[in-house]
């Protein structure tokens, strides 16, 4: 007789996916220096942004019983000590410059690799994790005291004003031989955390007009009946939200639109669902239960004719809706990363994925992407192409957003961070929880 697995409750389902995602960090961390691999592929460098996610995930692991507090402190201290003691400068054989760090680092030596850029936004994601650690580990023992002290000095060392490169907005990156990259931040994206931290710095803040300079490049659109601040890939609507609860707080832009960034992310999530319903390019599988485009792995750069239609596929890319690019590749982790905004459509999509494409999530750890349009073609299986790698950014956002949906742990921690509050206020945010005392014990019942 065929044995049918009992249907998991929503809580059990989320617990399994969250625990599986959390496991990525314990499997890919170098315990000697706290660096975490960008992806599960062998011989891959560490990503400073992934370290930021890891530092934020360790408190979740402690609270969920997936690691001890002592183990979390050890890994956290390994990372903080490494970044504090690593070599800074504008030459070779360094890890960072002006308090910023290179995007990719050799996971053993911690030195710059792939001739990559000094990354402003990835440093911001790293610092978000640093501040989570400094806020969570409140014990009076030597180790947790050192966590707090290192978190503070690491954040204070970042020279955000230098990163503007004499412009009103922050630059995206810098290289030692060619200087700042030619482009800055244009349009809404994941950079909100970057600007909040840059504005908040007690010692080297960005200029007071930098955030307004960025928001001046926003695109407000009406798509499928939704008034939305446009950002094509879903990760743009998720990453900063992993640390900051934007529900009910507004800056000048959102006050004018009578909205907020949490509501905007909710609408963006629905927009992706409706884009899949319309399915303008006719990709297989798209619909009510299968949607979600974001940055992630792809089947590779090639062309193929499928059902008499020419198709062009891509490798790793930032896919977006509705203006593209889109090659039929779904980012299945998007459902979990958008869970706090729209659980009523994200949970059904997750269940649809398990029922229709069980091989995509057979271990409860979501891959970077899969493409059902390639089902049973080019030696692919019934679900088409499935990424053979897991990415730390994907796993990190899954852990944090499931936790915010379940307990609000990270949101509540960061509400109590004076740096986050100061940065939001300097950027012009007001209302909501910003009107309440920082310490929960001081709030009126």
Protein backbone atom coordinates (compact mmCIF):
# COMPACT_ATOMS: atom_id res chain seq x y z
CA UNK A 1 0.00 0.00 0.00
CA UNK A 2 1.25 3.48 -0.89
CA UNK A 3 2.13 5.44 2.21
CA UNK A 4 0.94 9.04 2.05
CA UNK A 5 2.89 11.56 4.10
CA UNK A 6 0.58 13.46 6.46
CA UNK A 7 0.06 17.09 5.58
CA UNK A 8 2.33 19.30 7.62
CA UNK A 9 0.86 22.23 9.51
CA UNK A 10 1.99 25.67 8.45
CA UNK A 11 4.18 25.93 11.55
CA UNK A 12 5.83 22.55 10.97
CA UNK A 13 6.35 23.34 7.30
CA UNK A 14 8.03 26.65 8.05
CA UNK A 15 10.12 25.10 10.79
CA UNK A 16 11.56 22.52 8.39
CA UNK A 17 12.35 25.04 5.67
CA UNK A 18 13.85 27.49 8.14
CA UNK A 19 15.99 24.86 9.86
CA UNK A 20 17.25 23.56 6.50
CA UNK A 21 18.17 27.07 5.39
CA UNK A 22 19.92 27.76 8.70
CA UNK A 23 22.02 24.64 8.24
CA UNK A 24 23.72 26.24 5.25
CA UNK A 25 25.69 28.58 7.51
CA UNK A 26 26.96 25.85 9.81
CA UNK A 27 27.99 23.77 6.79
CA UNK A 28 29.87 26.50 4.89
CA UNK A 29 31.43 28.66 7.63
CA UNK A 30 35.16 28.71 8.28
CA UNK A 31 35.17 28.57 12.10
CA UNK A 32 38.66 30.05 12.24
CA UNK A 33 37.64 33.45 10.84
CA UNK A 34 33.84 33.35 10.67
CA UNK A 35 33.75 33.80 6.88
CA UNK A 36 30.91 32.03 5.05
CA UNK A 37 30.94 30.78 1.47
CA UNK A 38 28.89 32.65 -1.09
CA UNK A 39 27.53 29.38 -2.46
CA UNK A 40 27.68 25.66 -1.75
CA UNK A 41 29.72 25.03 -4.90
CA UNK A 42 33.23 23.78 -4.03
CA UNK A 43 36.20 26.15 -3.84
CA UNK A 44 34.01 29.25 -3.80
CA UNK A 45 35.03 32.44 -1.96
CA UNK A 46 33.26 33.99 0.97
CA UNK A 47 30.78 36.83 0.51
CA UNK A 48 30.78 39.65 3.05
CA UNK A 49 27.01 40.05 2.62
CA UNK A 50 26.52 36.36 3.41
CA UNK A 51 28.57 36.86 6.59
CA UNK A 52 26.11 39.63 7.49
CA UNK A 53 23.23 37.24 7.04
CA UNK A 54 25.04 34.57 9.05
CA UNK A 55 25.62 36.93 11.98
CA UNK A 56 21.92 37.75 11.89
CA UNK A 57 20.91 34.08 11.68
CA UNK A 58 22.92 32.87 14.66
CA UNK A 59 20.50 34.46 17.18
CA UNK A 60 17.65 32.71 15.35
CA UNK A 61 19.51 29.42 15.68
CA UNK A 62 19.97 29.99 19.41
CA UNK A 63 16.31 30.88 19.97
CA UNK A 64 15.12 27.88 17.90
CA UNK A 65 17.50 25.46 19.62
CA UNK A 66 19.54 24.70 16.51
CA UNK A 67 22.83 25.80 18.10
CA UNK A 68 24.01 26.69 21.58
CA UNK A 69 24.55 30.27 22.66
CA UNK A 70 28.23 29.50 23.26
CA UNK A 71 28.63 28.17 19.72
CA UNK A 72 26.92 31.27 18.33
CA UNK A 73 29.21 33.55 20.34
CA UNK A 74 32.30 31.72 19.13
CA UNK A 75 31.36 32.01 15.44
CA UNK A 76 30.30 35.62 15.91
CA UNK A 77 33.53 36.57 17.65
CA UNK A 78 35.59 34.78 15.00
CA UNK A 79 33.99 36.97 12.31
CA UNK A 80 34.13 40.25 14.25
CA UNK A 81 37.73 39.75 15.29
CA UNK A 82 38.69 38.87 11.74
CA UNK A 83 37.14 42.00 10.24
CA UNK A 84 38.57 44.24 12.94
CA UNK A 85 42.10 42.87 12.62
CA UNK A 86 42.15 42.31 8.84
CA UNK A 87 44.33 44.61 6.77
CA UNK A 88 42.77 47.82 5.42
CA UNK A 89 44.36 49.89 2.66
CA UNK A 90 44.36 50.77 -1.02
CA UNK A 91 47.02 48.27 -2.07
CA UNK A 92 47.11 44.55 -2.75
CA UNK A 93 46.72 41.77 -0.20
CA UNK A 94 44.06 43.58 1.79
CA UNK A 95 40.54 42.82 2.98
CA UNK A 96 39.05 46.30 2.93
CA UNK A 97 39.52 50.04 2.78
CA UNK A 98 38.03 52.97 4.74
CA UNK A 99 36.02 50.53 6.88
CA UNK A 100 34.43 48.92 3.81
CA UNK A 101 35.22 45.41 2.59
CA UNK A 102 35.69 43.72 -0.74
CA UNK A 103 32.65 41.85 -2.05
CA UNK A 104 34.37 38.43 -2.20
CA UNK A 105 37.15 37.21 0.08
CA UNK A 106 39.24 34.07 0.05
CA UNK A 107 37.53 31.97 2.69
CA UNK A 108 40.86 30.83 4.17
CA UNK A 109 43.05 33.94 4.03
CA UNK A 110 40.31 36.58 4.04
CA UNK A 111 42.02 38.53 1.25
CA UNK A 112 40.33 40.12 -1.74
CA UNK A 113 39.63 37.66 -4.56
CA UNK A 114 38.45 37.78 -8.19
CA UNK A 115 39.70 41.40 -8.42
CA UNK A 116 36.27 42.34 -7.09
CA UNK A 117 35.05 45.74 -6.01
CA UNK A 118 34.98 47.28 -2.57
CA UNK A 119 31.21 46.98 -2.13
CA UNK A 120 29.16 49.60 -0.35
CA UNK A 121 25.85 47.72 -0.22
CA UNK A 122 27.46 44.40 0.74
CA UNK A 123 29.35 46.16 3.52
CA UNK A 124 26.00 47.56 4.69
CA UNK A 125 24.51 44.06 4.80
CA UNK A 126 27.56 42.91 6.74
CA UNK A 127 27.14 45.80 9.18
CA UNK A 128 23.47 44.98 9.61
CA UNK A 129 24.55 41.57 10.88
CA UNK A 130 27.24 43.14 13.03
CA UNK A 131 24.61 45.35 14.70
CA UNK A 132 22.26 42.39 15.22
CA UNK A 133 25.07 40.60 17.04
CA UNK A 134 25.83 43.66 19.17
CA UNK A 135 22.18 44.02 20.08
CA UNK A 136 21.43 40.34 20.78
CA UNK A 137 24.42 39.32 22.86
CA UNK A 138 23.77 41.27 26.04
CA UNK A 139 25.48 38.99 28.56
CA UNK A 140 27.97 40.44 31.03
CA UNK A 141 30.66 37.79 30.41
CA UNK A 142 33.88 38.68 28.61
CA UNK A 143 32.91 37.11 25.28
CA UNK A 144 29.54 38.83 24.87
CA UNK A 145 31.00 42.11 26.09
CA UNK A 146 33.65 41.81 23.37
CA UNK A 147 30.92 41.14 20.76
CA UNK A 148 29.24 44.43 21.68
CA UNK A 149 32.50 46.39 21.70
CA UNK A 150 33.66 45.04 18.34
CA UNK A 151 30.25 45.60 16.76
CA UNK A 152 30.39 49.26 17.75
CA UNK A 153 33.92 49.97 16.58
CA UNK A 154 33.45 48.12 13.28
CA UNK A 155 30.37 50.17 12.46
CA UNK A 156 31.98 53.45 13.54
CA UNK A 157 35.04 52.82 11.35
CA UNK A 158 33.09 52.87 8.04
CA UNK A 159 33.69 56.14 6.19
CA UNK A 160 30.32 56.65 4.51
CA UNK A 161 31.07 60.22 3.44
CA UNK A 162 34.11 59.03 1.48
CA UNK A 163 31.86 56.49 -0.27
CA UNK A 164 29.85 59.29 -1.85
CA UNK A 165 32.83 60.12 -4.04
CA UNK A 166 31.98 63.85 -4.03
CA UNK A 167 28.46 63.02 -5.28
CA UNK A 168 25.14 63.50 -3.51
CA UNK A 169 24.42 59.76 -3.45
CA UNK A 170 26.58 56.81 -2.42
CA UNK A 171 28.65 55.06 -5.05
CA UNK A 172 28.08 51.36 -5.69
CA UNK A 173 31.72 50.34 -5.44
CA UNK A 174 35.41 51.23 -5.65
CA UNK A 175 38.53 49.57 -7.03
CA UNK A 176 42.08 50.45 -6.00
CA UNK A 177 43.38 51.13 -9.52
CA UNK A 178 40.38 52.79 -11.16
CA UNK A 179 38.61 54.41 -8.20
CA UNK A 180 34.84 54.62 -7.81
CA UNK A 181 32.64 52.72 -10.21
CA UNK A 182 30.97 55.00 -12.73
CA UNK A 183 27.43 54.33 -11.57
CA UNK A 184 25.59 55.09 -8.35
CA UNK A 185 22.20 54.01 -7.09
CA UNK A 186 19.34 54.70 -9.50
CA UNK A 187 15.77 53.74 -8.69
CA UNK A 188 14.39 51.82 -5.73
CA UNK A 189 16.25 48.67 -4.74
CA UNK A 190 17.82 46.90 -1.77
CA UNK A 191 19.90 49.96 -0.77
CA UNK A 192 17.57 51.33 1.94
CA UNK A 193 19.67 49.67 4.64
CA UNK A 194 22.79 51.16 3.08
CA UNK A 195 21.42 54.68 3.40
CA UNK A 196 20.00 54.18 6.89
CA UNK A 197 23.38 53.02 8.19
CA UNK A 198 25.24 55.73 6.26
CA UNK A 199 23.01 58.48 7.66
CA UNK A 200 23.25 57.14 11.21
CA UNK A 201 27.02 56.98 11.58
CA UNK A 202 28.12 58.89 14.69
CA UNK A 203 31.53 59.74 13.20
CA UNK A 204 31.58 59.54 9.37
CA UNK A 205 27.99 59.86 8.11
CA UNK A 206 26.86 60.42 4.56
CA UNK A 207 25.75 63.96 3.80
CA UNK A 208 22.30 64.98 4.99
CA UNK A 209 20.99 65.19 1.42
CA UNK A 210 22.19 61.77 0.29
CA UNK A 211 18.98 59.84 1.02
CA UNK A 212 16.80 62.46 -0.65
CA UNK A 213 19.14 62.35 -3.63
CA UNK A 214 18.54 58.63 -3.95
CA UNK A 215 14.75 58.76 -3.54
CA UNK A 216 14.62 61.42 -6.27
CA UNK A 217 15.44 58.60 -8.74
CA UNK A 218 12.44 56.43 -7.74
CA UNK A 219 9.88 55.22 -10.29
CA UNK A 220 6.25 55.13 -9.13
CA UNK A 221 4.19 52.93 -11.45
CA UNK A 222 0.69 51.55 -11.84
CA UNK A 223 1.00 47.88 -12.85
CA UNK A 224 -1.91 45.44 -12.98
CA UNK A 225 -3.89 47.94 -10.94
CA UNK A 226 -1.26 48.26 -8.19
CA UNK A 227 0.28 51.65 -7.41
CA UNK A 228 3.80 50.58 -6.59
CA UNK A 229 7.33 51.89 -6.20
CA UNK A 230 8.96 49.78 -8.87
CA UNK A 231 11.83 47.39 -8.32
CA UNK A 232 11.82 44.44 -10.70
CA UNK A 233 13.41 41.51 -8.78
CA UNK A 234 11.74 40.54 -5.52
CA UNK A 235 14.96 40.64 -3.50
CA UNK A 236 14.89 44.43 -3.84
CA UNK A 237 11.65 44.39 -1.84
CA UNK A 238 13.01 41.95 0.77
CA UNK A 239 16.64 42.48 1.79
CA UNK A 240 16.44 45.71 3.82
CA UNK A 241 13.15 44.44 5.29
CA UNK A 242 14.96 41.51 6.87
CA UNK A 243 16.29 43.93 9.50
CA UNK A 244 13.91 46.89 9.50
CA UNK A 245 10.17 46.73 10.10
CA UNK A 246 8.86 49.35 7.70
CA UNK A 247 5.20 48.71 8.56
CA UNK A 248 3.63 52.04 9.52
CA UNK A 249 6.73 54.23 9.26
CA UNK A 250 7.05 56.65 6.35
CA UNK A 251 9.62 58.89 4.74
CA UNK A 252 8.75 61.97 2.68
CA UNK A 253 8.29 59.93 -0.49
CA UNK A 254 5.86 57.48 1.08
CA UNK A 255 3.95 60.17 2.96
CA UNK A 256 3.24 61.81 -0.39
CA UNK A 257 2.02 58.46 -1.78
CA UNK A 258 0.02 57.59 1.36
CA UNK A 259 1.83 54.27 1.60
CA UNK A 260 4.87 52.72 3.28
CA UNK A 261 7.62 50.33 2.23
CA UNK A 262 6.02 47.32 3.90
CA UNK A 263 2.81 47.88 1.95
CA UNK A 264 4.87 48.46 -1.17
CA UNK A 265 6.55 45.06 -0.74
CA UNK A 266 3.14 43.45 -0.26
CA UNK A 267 1.94 44.96 -3.54
CA UNK A 268 5.15 43.93 -5.30
CA UNK A 269 4.59 40.34 -4.14
CA UNK A 270 1.07 40.35 -5.56
CA UNK A 271 2.38 41.97 -8.74
CA UNK A 272 4.72 39.01 -9.29
CA UNK A 273 1.85 36.60 -8.72
CA UNK A 274 -0.32 38.47 -11.23
CA UNK A 275 2.52 38.65 -13.75
CA UNK A 276 2.71 34.85 -13.64
CA UNK A 277 -1.06 34.68 -14.11
CA UNK A 278 -0.79 36.81 -17.25
CA UNK A 279 2.34 34.93 -18.34
CA UNK A 280 2.97 37.21 -21.34
CA UNK A 281 5.89 35.13 -22.64
CA UNK A 282 4.12 31.79 -22.26
CA UNK A 283 6.57 30.04 -19.93
CA UNK A 284 5.62 26.59 -18.66
CA UNK A 285 4.23 26.33 -15.16
CA UNK A 286 3.61 30.03 -14.52
CA UNK A 287 0.33 30.75 -12.81
CA UNK A 288 -1.53 31.26 -9.54
CA UNK A 289 0.73 28.86 -7.66
CA UNK A 290 4.05 29.33 -9.43
CA UNK A 291 5.59 32.79 -9.57
CA UNK A 292 8.47 34.84 -8.20
CA UNK A 293 11.38 36.32 -10.14
CA UNK A 294 14.53 37.50 -8.42
CA UNK A 295 18.32 37.47 -8.59
CA UNK A 296 19.64 33.97 -8.83
CA UNK A 297 21.10 31.08 -10.72
CA UNK A 298 19.90 30.20 -14.21
CA UNK A 299 20.22 27.30 -16.65
CA UNK A 300 23.04 28.97 -18.61
CA UNK A 301 23.53 31.16 -21.61
CA UNK A 302 22.04 29.33 -24.57
CA UNK A 303 19.19 29.42 -27.06
CA UNK A 304 16.66 26.69 -27.76
CA UNK A 305 13.44 26.27 -29.71
CA UNK A 306 10.71 24.92 -27.44
CA UNK A 307 7.31 24.13 -28.87
CA UNK A 308 8.29 26.10 -31.95
CA UNK A 309 9.12 29.20 -29.94
CA UNK A 310 12.70 30.48 -29.80
CA UNK A 311 13.90 30.89 -26.23
CA UNK A 312 16.97 32.57 -24.81
CA UNK A 313 18.17 31.45 -21.39
CA UNK A 314 20.63 33.05 -18.97
CA UNK A 315 22.95 32.04 -16.17
CA UNK A 316 23.04 34.00 -12.91
CA UNK A 317 20.91 37.13 -13.43
CA UNK A 318 18.57 39.56 -11.69
CA UNK A 319 15.19 38.66 -13.19
CA UNK A 320 12.21 40.94 -12.65
CA UNK A 321 8.51 41.44 -13.31
CA UNK A 322 6.82 42.72 -15.33
CA UNK A 323 9.53 44.45 -17.37
CA UNK A 324 12.01 41.58 -17.25
CA UNK A 325 14.36 40.11 -17.85
CA UNK A 326 12.57 36.78 -17.69
CA UNK A 327 13.65 33.44 -19.14
CA UNK A 328 11.19 31.23 -17.27
CA UNK A 329 13.44 30.76 -14.21
CA UNK A 330 11.60 30.84 -10.88
CA UNK A 331 13.32 31.79 -7.59
CA UNK A 332 11.44 29.46 -5.21
CA UNK A 333 12.95 31.00 -2.08
CA UNK A 334 10.95 34.15 -2.92
CA UNK A 335 7.83 32.70 -1.28
CA UNK A 336 9.56 32.39 2.09
CA UNK A 337 11.38 35.71 1.75
CA UNK A 338 8.07 37.52 1.09
CA UNK A 339 6.17 35.63 3.78
CA UNK A 340 5.69 38.55 6.21
CA UNK A 341 4.14 40.69 3.47
CA UNK A 342 1.62 38.25 1.99
CA UNK A 343 1.41 34.88 3.78
CA UNK A 344 -2.00 34.29 2.19
CA UNK A 345 -0.37 33.79 -1.22
CA UNK A 346 3.15 32.74 -0.19
CA UNK A 347 2.18 29.70 1.84
CA UNK A 348 -0.11 28.29 -0.88
CA UNK A 349 2.67 28.83 -3.43
CA UNK A 350 5.10 26.94 -1.18
CA UNK A 351 2.67 24.04 -0.90
CA UNK A 352 2.06 24.10 -4.65
CA UNK A 353 5.81 23.87 -5.19
CA UNK A 354 6.08 20.82 -2.93
CA UNK A 355 3.15 19.08 -4.58
CA UNK A 356 3.95 19.82 -8.23
CA UNK A 357 7.75 19.94 -8.09
CA UNK A 358 8.82 17.85 -5.08
CA UNK A 359 12.30 17.25 -6.50
CA UNK A 360 12.98 21.01 -6.25
CA UNK A 361 12.65 20.99 -2.46
CA UNK A 362 13.14 17.36 -1.53
CA UNK A 363 15.44 18.30 1.37
CA UNK A 364 13.43 21.41 2.41
CA UNK A 365 16.35 23.61 1.37
CA UNK A 366 15.31 25.78 -1.57
CA UNK A 367 17.69 26.04 -4.52
CA UNK A 368 18.62 29.33 -6.13
CA UNK A 369 16.30 28.70 -9.07
CA UNK A 370 14.57 26.22 -11.36
CA UNK A 371 13.13 26.45 -14.86
CA UNK A 372 10.09 24.27 -15.65
CA UNK A 373 10.04 25.38 -19.30
CA UNK A 374 13.01 23.03 -19.75
CA UNK A 375 11.13 20.03 -18.32
CA UNK A 376 12.34 16.75 -19.87
CA UNK A 377 14.67 18.59 -22.24
CA UNK A 378 18.46 18.73 -22.48
CA UNK A 379 18.65 15.85 -20.00
CA UNK A 380 16.62 17.77 -17.42
CA UNK A 381 13.96 16.06 -15.32
CA UNK A 382 10.18 16.60 -14.98
CA UNK A 383 10.68 19.97 -13.24
CA UNK A 384 13.17 21.15 -15.84
CA UNK A 385 16.48 22.70 -14.89
CA UNK A 386 17.19 22.90 -11.14
CA UNK A 387 20.18 24.78 -9.74
CA UNK A 388 22.81 22.48 -8.31
CA UNK A 389 23.86 25.08 -5.76
CA UNK A 390 22.51 26.86 -2.73
CA UNK A 391 23.42 30.51 -2.17
CA UNK A 392 24.01 32.11 1.21
CA UNK A 393 21.97 35.19 0.35
CA UNK A 394 18.93 33.05 -0.49
CA UNK A 395 19.26 30.90 2.62
CA UNK A 396 19.85 33.92 4.85
CA UNK A 397 16.82 35.86 3.71
CA UNK A 398 14.70 32.71 4.14
CA UNK A 399 15.84 32.26 7.77
CA UNK A 400 15.31 35.90 8.70
CA UNK A 401 11.97 36.49 7.01
CA UNK A 402 10.46 33.26 8.32
CA UNK A 403 11.61 34.34 11.78
CA UNK A 404 10.15 37.82 11.41
CA UNK A 405 6.88 36.20 10.36
CA UNK A 406 6.96 33.80 13.30
CA UNK A 407 8.33 35.90 16.16
CA UNK A 408 9.52 39.32 14.86
CA UNK A 409 12.89 38.56 16.51
CA UNK A 410 15.15 40.48 14.12
CA UNK A 411 12.71 43.36 13.71
CA UNK A 412 12.41 43.76 17.47
CA UNK A 413 16.18 43.57 17.97
CA UNK A 414 16.78 46.28 15.41
CA UNK A 415 14.02 48.49 16.78
CA UNK A 416 16.14 48.76 19.90
CA UNK A 417 19.31 49.71 17.98
CA UNK A 418 20.02 53.43 18.42
CA UNK A 419 21.87 53.46 15.10
CA UNK A 420 18.89 52.15 13.17
CA UNK A 421 16.54 54.62 14.83
CA UNK A 422 18.90 57.53 14.24
CA UNK A 423 19.41 56.60 10.59
CA UNK A 424 15.69 56.28 9.92
CA UNK A 425 14.96 59.60 11.58
CA UNK A 426 17.75 61.39 9.70
CA UNK A 427 16.35 59.96 6.45
CA UNK A 428 13.01 61.53 7.32
CA UNK A 429 11.08 58.51 8.59
CA UNK A 430 8.47 59.08 11.28
CA UNK A 431 5.35 57.57 12.79
CA UNK A 432 4.56 54.02 13.80
CA UNK A 433 7.03 52.31 16.11
CA UNK A 434 9.49 55.20 15.76
CA UNK A 435 7.10 57.16 17.99
CA UNK A 436 7.49 54.58 20.76
CA UNK A 437 10.31 54.24 23.32
CA UNK A 438 13.27 52.15 22.16
CA UNK A 439 13.24 49.84 25.19
CA UNK A 440 10.19 47.53 25.18
CA UNK A 441 10.11 47.69 28.99
CA UNK A 442 9.59 51.46 28.76
CA UNK A 443 6.64 51.30 26.38
CA UNK A 444 3.18 52.00 27.60
CA UNK A 445 0.94 48.96 27.80
